[in-house]
Amino acid sequence: MPSAMALNVETGEFFPQDRLRSYSNGYDMAEALGYAWACDCRERTPKRFDEQFTLRDFAGKRLVGVRYRVRVGSRVLAKGVTDSQGCTQRISTSDPKQISIDVAASQGTQSR
């Protein structure tokens, strides 16, 4: 006999609802259903510090298509090219970190 199916709203994938019963906490259940972002559960996701940065020049103009590197000390957490809005990729850590963002110098911009 087929079992009931549940839907992960983020991915659009269906999975057997019985799988939810196997999870030990509410966060895992919310994550399986695609609602972890809204969960105010006691047990939080291990990567609960999640930020995205918009890089701007000294005049406040967004830096689009600019190479960047995000570091904690000498350790590189992320690197890439800013998107069409001047944003970096999302960067997640398990605890608060003091980061540095290195921006590649190009015409009309300066490294910070």
N, C-alpha and C. Protein backbone atom coordinates (compact mmCIF):
# COMPACT_ATOMS: atom_id res chain seq x y z
N MET A 1 0.85 -1.17 0.00
CA MET A 1 0.00 0.00 0.00
C MET A 1 0.90 1.25 0.00
N PRO A 2 0.62 2.21 -0.86
CA PRO A 2 1.45 3.42 -0.92
C PRO A 2 1.28 4.26 0.34
N SER A 3 2.38 4.90 0.75
CA SER A 3 2.31 5.76 1.93
C SER A 3 2.04 7.19 1.51
N ALA A 4 1.62 7.98 2.47
CA ALA A 4 1.38 9.40 2.21
C ALA A 4 2.70 10.07 1.87
N MET A 5 2.64 11.10 1.05
CA MET A 5 3.83 11.82 0.64
C MET A 5 3.79 13.24 1.22
N ALA A 6 4.97 13.75 1.54
CA ALA A 6 5.12 15.13 2.01
C ALA A 6 5.93 15.89 0.96
N LEU A 7 5.80 17.21 0.96
CA LEU A 7 6.46 18.05 -0.04
C LEU A 7 7.47 18.96 0.63
N ASN A 8 8.69 19.01 0.10
CA ASN A 8 9.66 20.01 0.51
C ASN A 8 9.38 21.24 -0.35
N VAL A 9 8.94 22.33 0.28
CA VAL A 9 8.50 23.50 -0.48
C VAL A 9 9.66 24.25 -1.14
N GLU A 10 10.88 24.06 -0.66
CA GLU A 10 12.03 24.73 -1.28
C GLU A 10 12.48 24.02 -2.55
N THR A 11 12.49 22.68 -2.52
CA THR A 11 12.99 21.93 -3.67
C THR A 11 11.89 21.43 -4.59
N GLY A 12 10.65 21.36 -4.07
CA GLY A 12 9.54 20.83 -4.85
C GLY A 12 9.52 19.31 -4.91
N GLU A 13 10.37 18.66 -4.11
CA GLU A 13 10.46 17.21 -4.13
C GLU A 13 9.50 16.60 -3.10
N PHE A 14 8.89 15.49 -3.48
CA PHE A 14 8.04 14.73 -2.57
C PHE A 14 8.88 13.63 -1.93
N PHE A 15 8.54 13.28 -0.69
CA PHE A 15 9.21 12.18 0.01
C PHE A 15 8.18 11.53 0.93
N PRO A 16 8.43 10.26 1.34
CA PRO A 16 7.47 9.57 2.20
C PRO A 16 7.29 10.29 3.54
N GLN A 17 6.04 10.51 3.91
CA GLN A 17 5.75 11.22 5.15
C GLN A 17 6.27 10.45 6.37
N ASP A 18 6.39 9.15 6.26
CA ASP A 18 6.93 8.35 7.36
C ASP A 18 8.35 8.80 7.74
N ARG A 19 9.08 9.36 6.79
CA ARG A 19 10.43 9.83 7.08
C ARG A 19 10.42 10.90 8.16
N LEU A 20 9.37 11.73 8.21
CA LEU A 20 9.30 12.78 9.23
C LEU A 20 9.31 12.19 10.64
N ARG A 21 8.67 11.03 10.81
CA ARG A 21 8.62 10.40 12.13
C ARG A 21 9.99 9.92 12.61
N SER A 22 10.91 9.75 11.68
CA SER A 22 12.24 9.25 12.06
C SER A 22 13.15 10.36 12.59
N TYR A 23 12.76 11.62 12.41
CA TYR A 23 13.60 12.72 12.88
C TYR A 23 13.43 12.93 14.37
N SER A 24 14.54 13.29 15.03
CA SER A 24 14.54 13.39 16.49
C SER A 24 14.11 14.75 17.02
N ASN A 25 14.02 15.76 16.15
CA ASN A 25 13.63 17.08 16.64
C ASN A 25 12.85 17.84 15.58
N GLY A 26 12.21 18.90 16.05
CA GLY A 26 11.37 19.70 15.17
C GLY A 26 12.13 20.42 14.08
N TYR A 27 13.37 20.81 14.36
CA TYR A 27 14.15 21.50 13.32
C TYR A 27 14.38 20.58 12.13
N ASP A 28 14.76 19.33 12.39
CA ASP A 28 15.00 18.39 11.30
C ASP A 28 13.74 18.19 10.46
N MET A 29 12.58 18.16 11.13
CA MET A 29 11.31 18.03 10.42
C MET A 29 11.04 19.26 9.56
N ALA A 30 11.25 20.45 10.14
CA ALA A 30 11.04 21.69 9.39
C ALA A 30 12.00 21.77 8.21
N GLU A 31 13.24 21.33 8.40
CA GLU A 31 14.21 21.34 7.32
C GLU A 31 13.79 20.41 6.19
N ALA A 32 13.30 19.22 6.53
CA ALA A 32 12.85 18.26 5.52
C ALA A 32 11.68 18.82 4.71
N LEU A 33 10.84 19.62 5.35
CA LEU A 33 9.68 20.20 4.68
C LEU A 33 10.00 21.51 3.96
N GLY A 34 11.22 22.03 4.16
CA GLY A 34 11.62 23.27 3.50
C GLY A 34 11.24 24.51 4.26
N TYR A 35 10.94 24.38 5.54
CA TYR A 35 10.54 25.53 6.36
C TYR A 35 11.55 25.85 7.46
N ALA A 36 12.76 25.34 7.37
CA ALA A 36 13.74 25.54 8.44
C ALA A 36 14.02 27.02 8.67
N TRP A 37 13.95 27.83 7.63
CA TRP A 37 14.21 29.27 7.75
C TRP A 37 13.22 29.93 8.71
N ALA A 38 12.04 29.38 8.86
CA ALA A 38 11.01 29.97 9.72
C ALA A 38 10.95 29.32 11.10
N CYS A 39 11.76 28.31 11.32
CA CYS A 39 11.69 27.55 12.56
C CYS A 39 12.33 28.31 13.71
N ASP A 40 11.63 28.39 14.81
CA ASP A 40 12.17 28.99 16.03
C ASP A 40 12.39 27.86 17.04
N CYS A 41 13.01 26.80 16.57
CA CYS A 41 13.19 25.59 17.36
C CYS A 41 14.33 25.74 18.36
N ARG A 42 14.26 24.94 19.38
CA ARG A 42 15.31 24.95 20.40
C ARG A 42 16.64 24.52 19.81
N GLU A 43 16.65 23.49 18.98
CA GLU A 43 17.89 23.04 18.35
C GLU A 43 18.00 23.70 16.99
N ARG A 44 18.93 24.60 16.87
CA ARG A 44 19.11 25.35 15.63
C ARG A 44 20.05 24.64 14.68
N THR A 45 20.01 25.06 13.45
CA THR A 45 20.93 24.56 12.45
C THR A 45 22.36 24.88 12.86
N PRO A 46 23.31 24.01 12.57
CA PRO A 46 24.69 24.29 12.95
C PRO A 46 25.28 25.52 12.25
N LYS A 47 24.76 25.90 11.09
CA LYS A 47 25.27 27.07 10.37
C LYS A 47 24.25 28.18 10.48
N ARG A 48 24.11 28.77 11.67
CA ARG A 48 23.04 29.73 11.87
C ARG A 48 23.44 31.17 11.58
N PHE A 49 24.71 31.43 11.33
CA PHE A 49 25.14 32.77 10.94
C PHE A 49 25.31 32.75 9.43
N ASP A 50 24.44 33.46 8.74
CA ASP A 50 24.32 33.37 7.29
C ASP A 50 24.13 34.77 6.74
N GLU A 51 25.13 35.28 6.04
CA GLU A 51 25.08 36.66 5.55
C GLU A 51 25.45 36.74 4.08
N GLN A 52 24.97 37.80 3.44
CA GLN A 52 25.34 38.14 2.08
C GLN A 52 25.66 39.63 2.10
N PHE A 53 26.68 40.03 1.37
CA PHE A 53 27.14 41.42 1.41
C PHE A 53 26.98 42.08 0.05
N THR A 54 26.63 43.37 0.07
CA THR A 54 26.59 44.17 -1.14
C THR A 54 27.83 45.06 -1.12
N LEU A 55 28.68 44.91 -2.13
CA LEU A 55 29.92 45.68 -2.20
C LEU A 55 29.66 46.96 -2.99
N ARG A 56 30.17 48.08 -2.45
CA ARG A 56 29.98 49.39 -3.08
C ARG A 56 31.29 50.15 -3.13
N ASP A 57 31.40 51.07 -4.10
CA ASP A 57 32.59 51.90 -4.16
C ASP A 57 32.42 53.09 -3.21
N PHE A 58 33.39 54.00 -3.20
CA PHE A 58 33.35 55.12 -2.26
C PHE A 58 32.18 56.07 -2.52
N ALA A 59 31.65 56.07 -3.74
CA ALA A 59 30.50 56.91 -4.07
C ALA A 59 29.17 56.21 -3.76
N GLY A 60 29.23 54.96 -3.32
CA GLY A 60 28.02 54.22 -2.99
C GLY A 60 27.47 53.39 -4.13
N LYS A 61 28.16 53.41 -5.29
CA LYS A 61 27.71 52.63 -6.44
C LYS A 61 28.05 51.16 -6.22
N ARG A 62 27.11 50.29 -6.56
CA ARG A 62 27.31 48.84 -6.39
C ARG A 62 28.43 48.36 -7.31
N LEU A 63 29.27 47.48 -6.77
CA LEU A 63 30.38 46.91 -7.54
C LEU A 63 29.90 45.62 -8.20
N VAL A 64 29.53 45.71 -9.47
CA VAL A 64 28.99 44.59 -10.22
C VAL A 64 30.12 43.89 -10.98
N GLY A 65 30.15 42.56 -10.92
CA GLY A 65 31.14 41.79 -11.67
C GLY A 65 32.57 41.95 -11.15
N VAL A 66 32.70 42.19 -9.86
CA VAL A 66 34.02 42.42 -9.27
C VAL A 66 34.43 41.17 -8.46
N ARG A 67 35.70 40.78 -8.60
CA ARG A 67 36.21 39.64 -7.85
C ARG A 67 36.39 40.02 -6.38
N TYR A 68 36.06 39.09 -5.49
CA TYR A 68 36.20 39.31 -4.04
C TYR A 68 36.65 38.03 -3.36
N ARG A 69 37.14 38.20 -2.14
CA ARG A 69 37.53 37.06 -1.30
C ARG A 69 37.14 37.41 0.12
N VAL A 70 36.45 36.49 0.82
CA VAL A 70 36.04 36.68 2.21
C VAL A 70 36.94 35.81 3.07
N ARG A 71 37.59 36.43 4.08
CA ARG A 71 38.54 35.71 4.91
C ARG A 71 38.24 35.88 6.39
N VAL A 72 38.64 34.86 7.17
CA VAL A 72 38.77 34.95 8.62
C VAL A 72 40.24 34.70 8.87
N GLY A 73 40.97 35.74 9.22
CA GLY A 73 42.43 35.61 9.32
C GLY A 73 42.97 35.27 7.95
N SER A 74 43.77 34.20 7.86
CA SER A 74 44.32 33.79 6.57
C SER A 74 43.45 32.74 5.88
N ARG A 75 42.41 32.27 6.56
CA ARG A 75 41.52 31.24 6.00
C ARG A 75 40.46 31.86 5.09
N VAL A 76 40.38 31.40 3.86
CA VAL A 76 39.39 31.91 2.90
C VAL A 76 38.08 31.16 3.09
N LEU A 77 37.01 31.91 3.40
CA LEU A 77 35.67 31.31 3.56
C LEU A 77 34.95 31.22 2.23
N ALA A 78 35.14 32.23 1.37
CA ALA A 78 34.44 32.26 0.09
C ALA A 78 35.20 33.17 -0.86
N LYS A 79 35.05 32.90 -2.14
CA LYS A 79 35.59 33.80 -3.15
C LYS A 79 34.71 33.69 -4.38
N GLY A 80 34.68 34.75 -5.15
CA GLY A 80 33.82 34.74 -6.32
C GLY A 80 33.78 36.09 -6.99
N VAL A 81 32.71 36.31 -7.75
CA VAL A 81 32.48 37.55 -8.48
C VAL A 81 31.11 38.06 -8.08
N THR A 82 31.00 39.35 -7.77
CA THR A 82 29.70 39.90 -7.37
C THR A 82 28.68 39.76 -8.51
N ASP A 83 27.41 39.63 -8.12
CA ASP A 83 26.35 39.44 -9.10
C ASP A 83 25.90 40.78 -9.69
N SER A 84 24.79 40.77 -10.40
CA SER A 84 24.29 41.98 -11.09
C SER A 84 23.83 43.06 -10.13
N GLN A 85 23.70 42.72 -8.84
CA GLN A 85 23.32 43.70 -7.82
C GLN A 85 24.51 44.08 -6.93
N GLY A 86 25.70 43.57 -7.25
CA GLY A 86 26.88 43.85 -6.45
C GLY A 86 26.98 43.00 -5.20
N CYS A 87 26.23 41.89 -5.16
CA CYS A 87 26.20 41.04 -3.96
C CYS A 87 27.16 39.87 -4.06
N THR A 88 27.69 39.48 -2.91
CA THR A 88 28.50 38.29 -2.80
C THR A 88 27.58 37.08 -2.69
N GLN A 89 28.17 35.90 -2.69
CA GLN A 89 27.40 34.70 -2.36
C GLN A 89 27.07 34.75 -0.87
N ARG A 90 26.15 33.92 -0.41
CA ARG A 90 25.84 33.82 1.02
C ARG A 90 26.98 33.10 1.71
N ILE A 91 27.33 33.56 2.89
CA ILE A 91 28.43 32.99 3.66
C ILE A 91 27.86 32.56 5.01
N SER A 92 28.03 31.25 5.32
CA SER A 92 27.47 30.68 6.54
C SER A 92 28.58 30.19 7.46
N THR A 93 28.41 30.45 8.75
CA THR A 93 29.33 29.94 9.77
C THR A 93 28.51 29.47 10.96
N SER A 94 29.13 28.65 11.80
CA SER A 94 28.43 28.12 12.96
C SER A 94 28.44 29.07 14.14
N ASP A 95 29.33 30.06 14.13
CA ASP A 95 29.39 31.05 15.20
C ASP A 95 29.83 32.39 14.61
N PRO A 96 29.67 33.48 15.37
CA PRO A 96 30.03 34.79 14.81
C PRO A 96 31.53 34.86 14.52
N LYS A 97 31.86 35.51 13.41
CA LYS A 97 33.25 35.65 12.99
C LYS A 97 33.52 37.09 12.60
N GLN A 98 34.74 37.55 12.84
CA GLN A 98 35.17 38.84 12.31
C GLN A 98 35.82 38.54 10.97
N ILE A 99 35.25 39.07 9.90
CA ILE A 99 35.73 38.73 8.56
C ILE A 99 36.40 39.93 7.91
N SER A 100 37.15 39.64 6.86
CA SER A 100 37.72 40.66 5.98
C SER A 100 37.24 40.34 4.58
N ILE A 101 36.91 41.37 3.81
CA ILE A 101 36.53 41.18 2.42
C ILE A 101 37.56 41.90 1.57
N ASP A 102 38.27 41.13 0.75
CA ASP A 102 39.24 41.69 -0.19
C ASP A 102 38.55 41.85 -1.52
N VAL A 103 38.68 43.05 -2.11
CA VAL A 103 38.07 43.34 -3.40
C VAL A 103 39.18 43.60 -4.40
N ALA A 104 39.12 42.93 -5.55
CA ALA A 104 40.14 43.11 -6.58
C ALA A 104 40.01 44.52 -7.16
N ALA A 105 41.14 45.18 -7.26
CA ALA A 105 41.15 46.54 -7.83
C ALA A 105 40.93 46.44 -9.33
N SER A 106 40.08 47.29 -9.85
CA SER A 106 39.86 47.38 -11.30
C SER A 106 39.70 48.85 -11.64
N GLN A 107 39.51 49.17 -12.88
CA GLN A 107 39.38 50.56 -13.27
C GLN A 107 38.23 51.23 -12.52
N GLY A 108 38.52 52.32 -11.87
CA GLY A 108 37.49 53.10 -11.19
C GLY A 108 37.18 52.61 -9.80
N THR A 109 37.80 51.52 -9.32
CA THR A 109 37.56 51.04 -7.98
C THR A 109 38.89 50.84 -7.27
N GLN A 110 38.83 50.79 -5.98
CA GLN A 110 40.03 50.56 -5.18
C GLN A 110 39.82 49.37 -4.28
N SER A 111 40.93 48.70 -3.95
CA SER A 111 40.85 47.57 -3.03
C SER A 111 40.60 48.09 -1.63
N ARG A 112 39.74 47.40 -0.86
CA ARG A 112 39.46 47.81 0.52
C ARG A 112 39.86 46.71 1.46
